[in-house]
Amino acid sequence: MPNRDLLTTGANPDARHDYLVELSGEAMPGTALTVRYVPDRLVARADGFAAYLAALAGFDGGPEALALAVLDDLNNELVPRWAEVAVARTAPLPHRVTVEDRQPNWDNPHLFARMRAL
């Protein structure tokens, strides 16, 4: 598994507000990975996320295992209010896995309604 320490963080510029952050890239050839989260105290740095993605190239597991491992790493490094990880592979056949997690008692129905509209 890649080193979760590659997921470098910075301070949330304004933790009073809920907002959605989306980061995506190719974890390995034919495998797209998209992370969406609502930050709490920390945000992921783009350069750290890119390094983390590059380290995923050697991941030896299916899309389910990859999505859950990335979610675990995000929860440990960022401790977001809410997080979603989607992994999509094109071969040998289309395969998509989406997992999510949230802090206890956190909810923002207005934000989720806007996300569904996207």
PDB file of N, CA and C in Angstrom:
ATOM      1  N   MET A   1       0.835  -1.176   0.000  1.00  0.00           N
ATOM      2  CA  MET A   1       0.000   0.000   0.000  1.00  0.00           C
ATOM      3  C   MET A   1       0.878   1.237   0.000  1.00  0.00           C
ATOM      4  N   PRO A   2       0.457   2.281  -0.688  1.00  0.00           N
ATOM      5  CA  PRO A   2       1.270   3.489  -0.733  1.00  0.00           C
ATOM      6  C   PRO A   2       1.402   4.126   0.644  1.00  0.00           C
ATOM      7  N   ASN A   3       2.387   4.967   0.757  1.00  0.00           N
ATOM      8  CA  ASN A   3       2.649   5.632   2.013  1.00  0.00           C
ATOM      9  C   ASN A   3       1.673   6.788   2.205  1.00  0.00           C
ATOM     10  N   ARG A   4       0.812   6.701   3.198  1.00  0.00           N
ATOM     11  CA  ARG A   4      -0.177   7.754   3.418  1.00  0.00           C
ATOM     12  C   ARG A   4       0.469   9.066   3.811  1.00  0.00           C
ATOM     13  N   ASP A   5       1.747   9.016   4.225  1.00  0.00           N
ATOM     14  CA  ASP A   5       2.449  10.254   4.549  1.00  0.00           C
ATOM     15  C   ASP A   5       2.622  11.146   3.326  1.00  0.00           C
ATOM     16  N   LEU A   6       2.461  10.588   2.128  1.00  0.00           N
ATOM     17  CA  LEU A   6       2.539  11.400   0.913  1.00  0.00           C
ATOM     18  C   LEU A   6       1.367  12.367   0.803  1.00  0.00           C
ATOM     19  N   LEU A   7       0.277  12.078   1.506  1.00  0.00           N
ATOM     20  CA  LEU A   7      -0.895  12.967   1.505  1.00  0.00           C
ATOM     21  C   LEU A   7      -0.607  14.150   2.428  1.00  0.00           C
ATOM     22  N   THR A   8       0.127  15.122   1.906  1.00  0.00           N
ATOM     23  CA  THR A   8       0.457  16.284   2.711  1.00  0.00           C
ATOM     24  C   THR A   8      -0.760  17.187   2.844  1.00  0.00           C
ATOM     25  N   THR A   9      -0.803  17.930   3.928  1.00  0.00           N
ATOM     26  CA  THR A   9      -1.973  18.748   4.237  1.00  0.00           C
ATOM     27  C   THR A   9      -1.582  20.179   4.556  1.00  0.00           C
ATOM     28  N   GLY A  10      -2.581  21.031   4.518  1.00  0.00           N
ATOM     29  CA  GLY A  10      -2.459  22.410   4.950  1.00  0.00           C
ATOM     30  C   GLY A  10      -3.695  22.767   5.745  1.00  0.00           C
ATOM     31  N   ALA A  11      -3.653  23.911   6.377  1.00  0.00           N
ATOM     32  CA  ALA A  11      -4.791  24.349   7.183  1.00  0.00           C
ATOM     33  C   ALA A  11      -5.960  24.731   6.283  1.00  0.00           C
ATOM     34  N   ASN A  12      -7.163  24.397   6.726  1.00  0.00           N
ATOM     35  CA  ASN A  12      -8.379  24.815   6.040  1.00  0.00           C
ATOM     36  C   ASN A  12      -8.449  26.345   6.145  1.00  0.00           C
ATOM     37  N   PRO A  13      -8.595  27.051   5.030  1.00  0.00           N
ATOM     38  CA  PRO A  13      -8.607  28.507   5.098  1.00  0.00           C
ATOM     39  C   PRO A  13      -9.808  29.085   5.853  1.00  0.00           C
ATOM     40  N   ASP A  14     -10.898  28.332   5.972  1.00  0.00           N
ATOM     41  CA  ASP A  14     -12.057  28.813   6.724  1.00  0.00           C
ATOM     42  C   ASP A  14     -12.938  27.629   7.115  1.00  0.00           C
ATOM     43  N   ALA A  15     -12.650  27.046   8.264  1.00  0.00           N
ATOM     44  CA  ALA A  15     -13.357  25.843   8.712  1.00  0.00           C
ATOM     45  C   ALA A  15     -14.791  26.123   9.158  1.00  0.00           C
ATOM     46  N   ARG A  16     -15.218  27.387   9.139  1.00  0.00           N
ATOM     47  CA  ARG A  16     -16.603  27.697   9.510  1.00  0.00           C
ATOM     48  C   ARG A  16     -17.585  27.272   8.429  1.00  0.00           C
ATOM     49  N   HIS A  17     -17.098  27.075   7.200  1.00  0.00           N
ATOM     50  CA  HIS A  17     -17.974  26.780   6.072  1.00  0.00           C
ATOM     51  C   HIS A  17     -17.753  25.361   5.565  1.00  0.00           C
ATOM     52  N   ASP A  18     -18.841  24.745   5.134  1.00  0.00           N
ATOM     53  CA  ASP A  18     -18.760  23.461   4.444  1.00  0.00           C
ATOM     54  C   ASP A  18     -18.598  23.740   2.961  1.00  0.00           C
ATOM     55  N   TYR A  19     -17.621  23.118   2.349  1.00  0.00           N
ATOM     56  CA  TYR A  19     -17.433  23.217   0.905  1.00  0.00           C
ATOM     57  C   TYR A  19     -16.837  21.917   0.406  1.00  0.00           C
ATOM     58  N   LEU A  20     -17.018  21.668  -0.864  1.00  0.00           N
ATOM     59  CA  LEU A  20     -16.606  20.413  -1.469  1.00  0.00           C
ATOM     60  C   LEU A  20     -15.279  20.574  -2.197  1.00  0.00           C
ATOM     61  N   VAL A  21     -14.361  19.652  -1.946  1.00  0.00           N
ATOM     62  CA  VAL A  21     -13.081  19.591  -2.651  1.00  0.00           C
ATOM     63  C   VAL A  21     -13.089  18.310  -3.467  1.00  0.00           C
ATOM     64  N   GLU A  22     -12.662  18.398  -4.723  1.00  0.00           N
ATOM     65  CA  GLU A  22     -12.572  17.216  -5.579  1.00  0.00           C
ATOM     66  C   GLU A  22     -11.174  17.138  -6.174  1.00  0.00           C
ATOM     67  N   LEU A  23     -10.562  15.978  -6.050  1.00  0.00           N
ATOM     68  CA  LEU A  23      -9.251  15.692  -6.628  1.00  0.00           C
ATOM     69  C   LEU A  23      -9.376  14.401  -7.423  1.00  0.00           C
ATOM     70  N   SER A  24      -8.783  14.362  -8.598  1.00  0.00           N
ATOM     71  CA  SER A  24      -8.879  13.130  -9.385  1.00  0.00           C
ATOM     72  C   SER A  24      -7.637  12.958 -10.236  1.00  0.00           C
ATOM     73  N   GLY A  25      -7.441  11.732 -10.650  1.00  0.00           N
ATOM     74  CA  GLY A  25      -6.312  11.399 -11.504  1.00  0.00           C
ATOM     75  C   GLY A  25      -6.326   9.922 -11.818  1.00  0.00           C
ATOM     76  N   GLU A  26      -5.303   9.494 -12.517  1.00  0.00           N
ATOM     77  CA  GLU A  26      -5.193   8.088 -12.890  1.00  0.00           C
ATOM     78  C   GLU A  26      -4.248   7.402 -11.910  1.00  0.00           C
ATOM     79  N   ALA A  27      -4.810   6.486 -11.127  1.00  0.00           N
ATOM     80  CA  ALA A  27      -4.013   5.775 -10.129  1.00  0.00           C
ATOM     81  C   ALA A  27      -3.040   4.808 -10.782  1.00  0.00           C
ATOM     82  N   MET A  28      -3.461   4.229 -11.888  1.00  0.00           N
ATOM     83  CA  MET A  28      -2.642   3.318 -12.694  1.00  0.00           C
ATOM     84  C   MET A  28      -3.304   3.269 -14.060  1.00  0.00           C
ATOM     85  N   PRO A  29      -2.618   2.795 -15.071  1.00  0.00           N
ATOM     86  CA  PRO A  29      -3.247   2.781 -16.398  1.00  0.00           C
ATOM     87  C   PRO A  29      -4.607   2.077 -16.383  1.00  0.00           C
ATOM     88  N   GLY A  30      -5.624   2.782 -16.882  1.00  0.00           N
ATOM     89  CA  GLY A  30      -6.960   2.215 -16.953  1.00  0.00           C
ATOM     90  C   GLY A  30      -7.763   2.302 -15.675  1.00  0.00           C
ATOM     91  N   THR A  31      -7.215   2.946 -14.637  1.00  0.00           N
ATOM     92  CA  THR A  31      -7.902   3.064 -13.353  1.00  0.00           C
ATOM     93  C   THR A  31      -7.949   4.519 -12.911  1.00  0.00           C
ATOM     94  N   ALA A  32      -9.132   5.098 -12.957  1.00  0.00           N
ATOM     95  CA  ALA A  32      -9.322   6.479 -12.523  1.00  0.00           C
ATOM     96  C   ALA A  32      -9.729   6.490 -11.054  1.00  0.00           C
ATOM     97  N   LEU A  33      -9.240   7.471 -10.324  1.00  0.00           N
ATOM     98  CA  LEU A  33      -9.564   7.610  -8.923  1.00  0.00           C
ATOM     99  C   LEU A  33     -10.034   9.043  -8.686  1.00  0.00           C
ATOM    100  N   THR A  34     -11.186   9.200  -8.047  1.00  0.00           N
ATOM    101  CA  THR A  34     -11.717  10.519  -7.717  1.00  0.00           C
ATOM    102  C   THR A  34     -12.011  10.562  -6.229  1.00  0.00           C
ATOM    103  N   VAL A  35     -11.520  11.607  -5.598  1.00  0.00           N
ATOM    104  CA  VAL A  35     -11.738  11.837  -4.178  1.00  0.00           C
ATOM    105  C   VAL A  35     -12.534  13.127  -4.045  1.00  0.00           C
ATOM    106  N   ARG A  36     -13.622  13.068  -3.298  1.00  0.00           N
ATOM    107  CA  ARG A  36     -14.388  14.271  -2.968  1.00  0.00           C
ATOM    108  C   ARG A  36     -14.522  14.294  -1.454  1.00  0.00           C
ATOM    109  N   TYR A  37     -14.312  15.471  -0.864  1.00  0.00           N
ATOM    110  CA  TYR A  37     -14.425  15.556   0.580  1.00  0.00           C
ATOM    111  C   TYR A  37     -14.824  16.960   1.015  1.00  0.00           C
ATOM    112  N   VAL A  38     -15.388  17.024   2.213  1.00  0.00           N
ATOM    113  CA  VAL A  38     -15.693  18.281   2.881  1.00  0.00           C
ATOM    114  C   VAL A  38     -14.651  18.401   3.993  1.00  0.00           C
ATOM    115  N   PRO A  39     -13.764  19.383   3.893  1.00  0.00           N
ATOM    116  CA  PRO A  39     -12.693  19.494   4.891  1.00  0.00           C
ATOM    117  C   PRO A  39     -13.203  19.879   6.270  1.00  0.00           C
ATOM    118  N   ASP A  40     -12.432  19.501   7.255  1.00  0.00           N
ATOM    119  CA  ASP A  40     -12.665  19.981   8.611  1.00  0.00           C
ATOM    120  C   ASP A  40     -11.538  20.970   8.910  1.00  0.00           C
ATOM    121  N   ARG A  41     -10.498  20.540   9.567  1.00  0.00           N
ATOM    122  CA  ARG A  41      -9.386  21.448   9.895  1.00  0.00           C
ATOM    123  C   ARG A  41      -8.292  21.469   8.842  1.00  0.00           C
ATOM    124  N   LEU A  42      -8.217  20.395   8.037  1.00  0.00           N
ATOM    125  CA  LEU A  42      -7.124  20.261   7.068  1.00  0.00           C
ATOM    126  C   LEU A  42      -7.645  20.082   5.653  1.00  0.00           C
ATOM    127  N   VAL A  43      -6.841  20.506   4.683  1.00  0.00           N
ATOM    128  CA  VAL A  43      -7.104  20.240   3.262  1.00  0.00           C
ATOM    129  C   VAL A  43      -5.872  19.541   2.694  1.00  0.00           C
ATOM    130  N   ALA A  44      -6.110  18.741   1.667  1.00  0.00           N
ATOM    131  CA  ALA A  44      -5.008  18.044   1.006  1.00  0.00           C
ATOM    132  C   ALA A  44      -4.298  19.011   0.062  1.00  0.00           C
ATOM    133  N   ARG A  45      -2.994  18.908   0.003  1.00  0.00           N
ATOM    134  CA  ARG A  45      -2.211  19.695  -0.950  1.00  0.00           C
ATOM    135  C   ARG A  45      -2.175  18.933  -2.268  1.00  0.00           C
ATOM    136  N   ALA A  46      -2.346  19.656  -3.366  1.00  0.00           N
ATOM    137  CA  ALA A  46      -2.401  19.019  -4.687  1.00  0.00           C
ATOM    138  C   ALA A  46      -1.124  18.250  -5.001  1.00  0.00           C
ATOM    139  N   ASP A  47       0.034  18.795  -4.654  1.00  0.00           N
ATOM    140  CA  ASP A  47       1.285  18.102  -4.952  1.00  0.00           C
ATOM    141  C   ASP A  47       1.415  16.809  -4.159  1.00  0.00           C
ATOM    142  N   GLY A  48       0.941  16.811  -2.920  1.00  0.00           N
ATOM    143  CA  GLY A  48       0.963  15.592  -2.115  1.00  0.00           C
ATOM    144  C   GLY A  48       0.008  14.545  -2.653  1.00  0.00           C
ATOM    145  N   PHE A  49      -1.166  14.991  -3.114  1.00  0.00           N
ATOM    146  CA  PHE A  49      -2.122  14.055  -3.697  1.00  0.00           C
ATOM    147  C   PHE A  49      -1.553  13.441  -4.978  1.00  0.00           C
ATOM    148  N   ALA A  50      -0.873  14.246  -5.788  1.00  0.00           N
ATOM    149  CA  ALA A  50      -0.252  13.732  -7.017  1.00  0.00           C
ATOM    150  C   ALA A  50       0.813  12.684  -6.685  1.00  0.00           C
ATOM    151  N   ALA A  51       1.612  12.931  -5.659  1.00  0.00           N
ATOM    152  CA  ALA A  51       2.631  11.957  -5.250  1.00  0.00           C
ATOM    153  C   ALA A  51       1.979  10.680  -4.735  1.00  0.00           C
ATOM    154  N   TYR A  52       0.908  10.831  -3.984  1.00  0.00           N
ATOM    155  CA  TYR A  52       0.171   9.674  -3.467  1.00  0.00           C
ATOM    156  C   TYR A  52      -0.401   8.849  -4.618  1.00  0.00           C
ATOM    157  N   LEU A  53      -0.989   9.526  -5.606  1.00  0.00           N
ATOM    158  CA  LEU A  53      -1.521   8.825  -6.782  1.00  0.00           C
ATOM    159  C   LEU A  53      -0.430   8.037  -7.497  1.00  0.00           C
ATOM    160  N   ALA A  54       0.720   8.667  -7.661  1.00  0.00           N
ATOM    161  CA  ALA A  54       1.838   7.989  -8.333  1.00  0.00           C
ATOM    162  C   ALA A  54       2.252   6.732  -7.577  1.00  0.00           C
ATOM    163  N   ALA A  55       2.189   6.784  -6.251  1.00  0.00           N
ATOM    164  CA  ALA A  55       2.560   5.617  -5.447  1.00  0.00           C
ATOM    165  C   ALA A  55       1.544   4.490  -5.548  1.00  0.00           C
ATOM    166  N   LEU A  56       0.329   4.799  -5.994  1.00  0.00           N
ATOM    167  CA  LEU A  56      -0.704   3.767  -6.145  1.00  0.00           C
ATOM    168  C   LEU A  56      -0.446   2.856  -7.345  1.00  0.00           C
ATOM    169  N   ALA A  57       0.465   3.226  -8.219  1.00  0.00           N
ATOM    170  CA  ALA A  57       0.709   2.461  -9.448  1.00  0.00           C
ATOM    171  C   ALA A  57       0.993   0.986  -9.173  1.00  0.00           C
ATOM    172  N   GLY A  58       1.574   0.672  -8.051  1.00  0.00           N
ATOM    173  CA  GLY A  58       1.905  -0.713  -7.740  1.00  0.00           C
ATOM    174  C   GLY A  58       0.874  -1.414  -6.875  1.00  0.00           C
ATOM    175  N   PHE A  59      -0.286  -0.804  -6.668  1.00  0.00           N
ATOM    176  CA  PHE A  59      -1.304  -1.408  -5.807  1.00  0.00           C
ATOM    177  C   PHE A  59      -1.757  -2.733  -6.394  1.00  0.00           C
ATOM    178  N   ASP A  60      -1.770  -3.754  -5.546  1.00  0.00           N
ATOM    179  CA  ASP A  60      -2.132  -5.096  -5.992  1.00  0.00           C
ATOM    180  C   ASP A  60      -3.431  -5.521  -5.308  1.00  0.00           C
ATOM    181  N   GLY A  61      -4.540  -5.062  -5.868  1.00  0.00           N
ATOM    182  CA  GLY A  61      -5.841  -5.401  -5.312  1.00  0.00           C
ATOM    183  C   GLY A  61      -6.914  -4.907  -6.258  1.00  0.00           C
ATOM    184  N   GLY A  62      -8.115  -5.298  -6.027  1.00  0.00           N
ATOM    185  CA  GLY A  62      -9.219  -4.885  -6.881  1.00  0.00           C
ATOM    186  C   GLY A  62      -9.685  -3.478  -6.571  1.00  0.00           C
ATOM    187  N   PRO A  63     -10.632  -2.977  -7.362  1.00  0.00           N
ATOM    188  CA  PRO A  63     -11.154  -1.626  -7.145  1.00  0.00           C
ATOM    189  C   PRO A  63     -11.757  -1.423  -5.749  1.00  0.00           C
ATOM    190  N   GLU A  64     -12.396  -2.442  -5.213  1.00  0.00           N
ATOM    191  CA  GLU A  64     -12.984  -2.321  -3.877  1.00  0.00           C
ATOM    192  C   GLU A  64     -11.895  -2.104  -2.830  1.00  0.00           C
ATOM    193  N   ALA A  65     -10.854  -2.913  -2.897  1.00  0.00           N
ATOM    194  CA  ALA A  65      -9.752  -2.789  -1.934  1.00  0.00           C
ATOM    195  C   ALA A  65      -9.045  -1.445  -2.072  1.00  0.00           C
ATOM    196  N   LEU A  66      -8.880  -0.987  -3.308  1.00  0.00           N
ATOM    197  CA  LEU A  66      -8.226   0.302  -3.535  1.00  0.00           C
ATOM    198  C   LEU A  66      -9.070   1.442  -2.963  1.00  0.00           C
ATOM    199  N   ALA A  67     -10.366   1.450  -3.243  1.00  0.00           N
ATOM    200  CA  ALA A  67     -11.236   2.515  -2.743  1.00  0.00           C
ATOM    201  C   ALA A  67     -11.232   2.557  -1.214  1.00  0.00           C
ATOM    202  N   LEU A  68     -11.321   1.406  -0.584  1.00  0.00           N
ATOM    203  CA  LEU A  68     -11.340   1.361   0.878  1.00  0.00           C
ATOM    204  C   LEU A  68     -10.003   1.772   1.482  1.00  0.00           C
ATOM    205  N   ALA A  69      -8.895   1.387   0.848  1.00  0.00           N
ATOM    206  CA  ALA A  69      -7.572   1.780   1.345  1.00  0.00           C
ATOM    207  C   ALA A  69      -7.373   3.290   1.245  1.00  0.00           C
ATOM    208  N   VAL A  70      -7.796   3.881   0.136  1.00  0.00           N
ATOM    209  CA  VAL A  70      -7.665   5.327  -0.031  1.00  0.00           C
ATOM    210  C   VAL A  70      -8.558   6.057   0.975  1.00  0.00           C
ATOM    211  N   LEU A  71      -9.779   5.577   1.166  1.00  0.00           N
ATOM    212  CA  LEU A  71     -10.670   6.191   2.144  1.00  0.00           C
ATOM    213  C   LEU A  71     -10.049   6.147   3.540  1.00  0.00           C
ATOM    214  N   ASP A  72      -9.459   5.025   3.895  1.00  0.00           N
ATOM    215  CA  ASP A  72      -8.801   4.883   5.195  1.00  0.00           C
ATOM    216  C   ASP A  72      -7.657   5.894   5.328  1.00  0.00           C
ATOM    217  N   ASP A  73      -6.870   6.044   4.279  1.00  0.00           N
ATOM    218  CA  ASP A  73      -5.756   6.995   4.316  1.00  0.00           C
ATOM    219  C   ASP A  73      -6.257   8.434   4.444  1.00  0.00           C
ATOM    220  N   LEU A  74      -7.309   8.778   3.701  1.00  0.00           N
ATOM    221  CA  LEU A  74      -7.884  10.127   3.815  1.00  0.00           C
ATOM    222  C   LEU A  74      -8.395  10.388   5.223  1.00  0.00           C
ATOM    223  N   ASN A  75      -9.100   9.422   5.780  1.00  0.00           N
ATOM    224  CA  ASN A  75      -9.635   9.594   7.126  1.00  0.00           C
ATOM    225  C   ASN A  75      -8.531   9.762   8.161  1.00  0.00           C
ATOM    226  N   ASN A  76      -7.413   9.103   7.969  1.00  0.00           N
ATOM    227  CA  ASN A  76      -6.312   9.215   8.918  1.00  0.00           C
ATOM    228  C   ASN A  76      -5.530  10.512   8.767  1.00  0.00           C
ATOM    229  N   GLU A  77      -5.325  10.968   7.550  1.00  0.00           N
ATOM    230  CA  GLU A  77      -4.488  12.149   7.322  1.00  0.00           C
ATOM    231  C   GLU A  77      -5.266  13.455   7.354  1.00  0.00           C
ATOM    232  N   LEU A  78      -6.484  13.471   6.820  1.00  0.00           N
ATOM    233  CA  LEU A  78      -7.262  14.714   6.721  1.00  0.00           C
ATOM    234  C   LEU A  78      -8.342  14.848   7.793  1.00  0.00           C
ATOM    235  N   VAL A  79      -8.895  13.724   8.227  1.00  0.00           N
ATOM    236  CA  VAL A  79     -10.044  13.697   9.118  1.00  0.00           C
ATOM    237  C   VAL A  79     -11.140  14.632   8.575  1.00  0.00           C
ATOM    238  N   PRO A  80     -11.613  14.367   7.350  1.00  0.00           N
ATOM    239  CA  PRO A  80     -12.629  15.240   6.755  1.00  0.00           C
ATOM    240  C   PRO A  80     -13.985  15.051   7.418  1.00  0.00           C
ATOM    241  N   ARG A  81     -14.857  16.053   7.231  1.00  0.00           N
ATOM    242  CA  ARG A  81     -16.220  15.939   7.741  1.00  0.00           C
ATOM    243  C   ARG A  81     -16.966  14.852   6.983  1.00  0.00           C
ATOM    244  N   TRP A  82     -16.701  14.773   5.679  1.00  0.00           N
ATOM    245  CA  TRP A  82     -17.314  13.770   4.807  1.00  0.00           C
ATOM    246  C   TRP A  82     -16.315  13.475   3.697  1.00  0.00           C
ATOM    247  N   ALA A  83     -16.256  12.228   3.257  1.00  0.00           N
ATOM    248  CA  ALA A  83     -15.349  11.856   2.164  1.00  0.00           C
ATOM    249  C   ALA A  83     -15.981  10.771   1.313  1.00  0.00           C
ATOM    250  N   GLU A  84     -15.664  10.841   0.023  1.00  0.00           N
ATOM    251  CA  GLU A  84     -16.115   9.841  -0.944  1.00  0.00           C
ATOM    252  C   GLU A  84     -14.940   9.515  -1.851  1.00  0.00           C
ATOM    253  N   VAL A  85     -14.737   8.242  -2.098  1.00  0.00           N
ATOM    254  CA  VAL A  85     -13.688   7.779  -3.005  1.00  0.00           C
ATOM    255  C   VAL A  85     -14.347   6.917  -4.069  1.00  0.00           C
ATOM    256  N   ALA A  86     -14.077   7.251  -5.334  1.00  0.00           N
ATOM    257  CA  ALA A  86     -14.605   6.459  -6.449  1.00  0.00           C
ATOM    258  C   ALA A  86     -13.431   5.942  -7.268  1.00  0.00           C
ATOM    259  N   VAL A  87     -13.480   4.666  -7.579  1.00  0.00           N
ATOM    260  CA  VAL A  87     -12.473   4.019  -8.424  1.00  0.00           C
ATOM    261  C   VAL A  87     -13.202   3.432  -9.621  1.00  0.00           C
ATOM    262  N   ALA A  88     -12.711   3.734 -10.810  1.00  0.00           N
ATOM    263  CA  ALA A  88     -13.331   3.225 -12.041  1.00  0.00           C
ATOM    264  C   ALA A  88     -12.265   2.596 -12.924  1.00  0.00           C
ATOM    265  N   ARG A  89     -12.512   1.360 -13.316  1.00  0.00           N
ATOM    266  CA  ARG A  89     -11.632   0.651 -14.250  1.00  0.00           C
ATOM    267  C   ARG A  89     -12.394   0.398 -15.536  1.00  0.00           C
ATOM    268  N   THR A  90     -11.662   0.395 -16.641  1.00  0.00           N
ATOM    269  CA  THR A  90     -12.298   0.171 -17.939  1.00  0.00           C
ATOM    270  C   THR A  90     -12.120  -1.253 -18.444  1.00  0.00           C
ATOM    271  N   ALA A  91     -11.102  -1.952 -17.948  1.00  0.00           N
ATOM    272  CA  ALA A  91     -10.833  -3.297 -18.443  1.00  0.00           C
ATOM    273  C   ALA A  91     -10.645  -4.244 -17.264  1.00  0.00           C
ATOM    274  N   PRO A  92     -11.004  -5.486 -17.357  1.00  0.00           N
ATOM    275  CA  PRO A  92     -11.475  -6.176 -18.556  1.00  0.00           C
ATOM    276  C   PRO A  92     -12.905  -5.817 -18.926  1.00  0.00           C
ATOM    277  N   LEU A  93     -13.655  -5.169 -17.995  1.00  0.00           N
ATOM    278  CA  LEU A  93     -14.986  -4.644 -18.303  1.00  0.00           C
ATOM    279  C   LEU A  93     -15.207  -3.448 -17.374  1.00  0.00           C
ATOM    280  N   PRO A  94     -16.116  -2.552 -17.725  1.00  0.00           N
ATOM    281  CA  PRO A  94     -16.335  -1.389 -16.857  1.00  0.00           C
ATOM    282  C   PRO A  94     -16.706  -1.810 -15.437  1.00  0.00           C
ATOM    283  N   HIS A  95     -16.017  -1.199 -14.463  1.00  0.00           N
ATOM    284  CA  HIS A  95     -16.184  -1.579 -13.056  1.00  0.00           C
ATOM    285  C   HIS A  95     -15.988  -0.302 -12.237  1.00  0.00           C
ATOM    286  N   ARG A  96     -16.987   0.099 -11.469  1.00  0.00           N
ATOM    287  CA  ARG A  96     -16.898   1.323 -10.654  1.00  0.00           C
ATOM    288  C   ARG A  96     -17.295   1.005  -9.217  1.00  0.00           C
ATOM    289  N   VAL A  97     -16.506   1.520  -8.288  1.00  0.00           N
ATOM    290  CA  VAL A  97     -16.759   1.345  -6.866  1.00  0.00           C
ATOM    291  C   VAL A  97     -16.730   2.727  -6.215  1.00  0.00           C
ATOM    292  N   THR A  98     -17.725   3.008  -5.383  1.00  0.00           N
ATOM    293  CA  THR A  98     -17.764   4.257  -4.643  1.00  0.00           C
ATOM    294  C   THR A  98     -18.005   3.946  -3.173  1.00  0.00           C
ATOM    295  N   VAL A  99     -17.150   4.514  -2.310  1.00  0.00           N
ATOM    296  CA  VAL A  99     -17.297   4.350  -0.864  1.00  0.00           C
ATOM    297  C   VAL A  99     -17.325   5.734  -0.228  1.00  0.00           C
ATOM    298  N   GLU A 100     -17.990   5.843   0.903  1.00  0.00           N
ATOM    299  CA  GLU A 100     -18.033   7.130   1.594  1.00  0.00           C
ATOM    300  C   GLU A 100     -18.010   6.924   3.092  1.00  0.00           C
ATOM    301  N   ASP A 101     -17.667   8.011   3.777  1.00  0.00           N
ATOM    302  CA  ASP A 101     -17.653   8.009   5.234  1.00  0.00           C
ATOM    303  C   ASP A 101     -17.862   9.446   5.687  1.00  0.00           C
ATOM    304  N   ARG A 102     -18.315   9.620   6.917  1.00  0.00           N
ATOM    305  CA  ARG A 102     -18.500  10.965   7.467  1.00  0.00           C
ATOM    306  C   ARG A 102     -18.276  10.926   8.966  1.00  0.00           C
ATOM    307  N   GLN A 103     -17.985  12.095   9.502  1.00  0.00           N
ATOM    308  CA  GLN A 103     -17.851  12.211  10.946  1.00  0.00           C
ATOM    309  C   GLN A 103     -19.217  11.992  11.588  1.00  0.00           C
ATOM    310  N   PRO A 104     -19.238  11.420  12.788  1.00  0.00           N
ATOM    311  CA  PRO A 104     -20.517  11.221  13.475  1.00  0.00           C
ATOM    312  C   PRO A 104     -21.261  12.555  13.634  1.00  0.00           C
ATOM    313  N   ASN A 105     -22.540  12.514  13.408  1.00  0.00           N
ATOM    314  CA  ASN A 105     -23.439  13.660  13.583  1.00  0.00           C
ATOM    315  C   ASN A 105     -23.218  14.796  12.577  1.00  0.00           C
ATOM    316  N   TRP A 106     -22.370  14.605  11.585  1.00  0.00           N
ATOM    317  CA  TRP A 106     -22.211  15.656  10.576  1.00  0.00           C
ATOM    318  C   TRP A 106     -23.167  15.386   9.424  1.00  0.00           C
ATOM    319  N   ASP A 107     -23.850  16.419   8.986  1.00  0.00           N
ATOM    320  CA  ASP A 107     -24.727  16.316   7.830  1.00  0.00           C
ATOM    321  C   ASP A 107     -24.921  17.721   7.269  1.00  0.00           C
ATOM    322  N   ASN A 108     -25.048  17.820   5.970  1.00  0.00           N
ATOM    323  CA  ASN A 108     -25.345  19.089   5.319  1.00  0.00           C
ATOM    324  C   ASN A 108     -26.218  18.769   4.112  1.00  0.00           C
ATOM    325  N   PRO A 109     -27.529  18.643   4.312  1.00  0.00           N
ATOM    326  CA  PRO A 109     -28.414  18.243   3.223  1.00  0.00           C
ATOM    327  C   PRO A 109     -28.399  19.211   2.043  1.00  0.00           C
ATOM    328  N   HIS A 110     -28.182  20.489   2.304  1.00  0.00           N
ATOM    329  CA  HIS A 110     -28.150  21.466   1.211  1.00  0.00           C
ATOM    330  C   HIS A 110     -26.938  21.229   0.310  1.00  0.00           C
ATOM    331  N   LEU A 111     -25.797  20.950   0.917  1.00  0.00           N
ATOM    332  CA  LEU A 111     -24.599  20.653   0.125  1.00  0.00           C
ATOM    333  C   LEU A 111     -24.785  19.373  -0.675  1.00  0.00           C
ATOM    334  N   PHE A 112     -25.349  18.344  -0.062  1.00  0.00           N
ATOM    335  CA  PHE A 112     -25.574  17.086  -0.769  1.00  0.00           C
ATOM    336  C   PHE A 112     -26.561  17.256  -1.917  1.00  0.00           C
ATOM    337  N   ALA A 113     -27.574  18.082  -1.743  1.00  0.00           N
ATOM    338  CA  ALA A 113     -28.545  18.336  -2.809  1.00  0.00           C
ATOM    339  C   ALA A 113     -27.855  18.995  -3.999  1.00  0.00           C
ATOM    340  N   ARG A 114     -26.969  19.930  -3.748  1.00  0.00           N
ATOM    341  CA  ARG A 114     -26.234  20.573  -4.856  1.00  0.00           C
ATOM    342  C   ARG A 114     -25.289  19.586  -5.536  1.00  0.00           C
ATOM    343  N   MET A 115     -24.685  18.690  -4.740  1.00  0.00           N
ATOM    344  CA  MET A 115     -23.774  17.694  -5.324  1.00  0.00           C
ATOM    345  C   MET A 115     -24.518  16.763  -6.270  1.00  0.00           C
ATOM    346  N   ARG A 116     -25.718  16.358  -5.893  1.00  0.00           N
ATOM    347  CA  ARG A 116     -26.504  15.456  -6.753  1.00  0.00           C
ATOM    348  C   ARG A 116     -26.875  16.135  -8.063  1.00  0.00           C
ATOM    349  N   ALA A 117     -27.003  17.442  -8.027  1.00  0.00           N
ATOM    350  CA  ALA A 117     -27.392  18.186  -9.239  1.00  0.00           C
ATOM    351  C   ALA A 117     -26.232  18.314 -10.226  1.00  0.00           C
ATOM    352  N   LEU A 118     -25.005  18.094  -9.756  1.00  0.00           N
ATOM    353  CA  LEU A 118     -23.851  18.243 -10.649  1.00  0.00           C
ATOM    354  C   LEU A 118     -23.781  17.170 -11.698  1.00  0.00           C
TER     355      LEU A 118
END
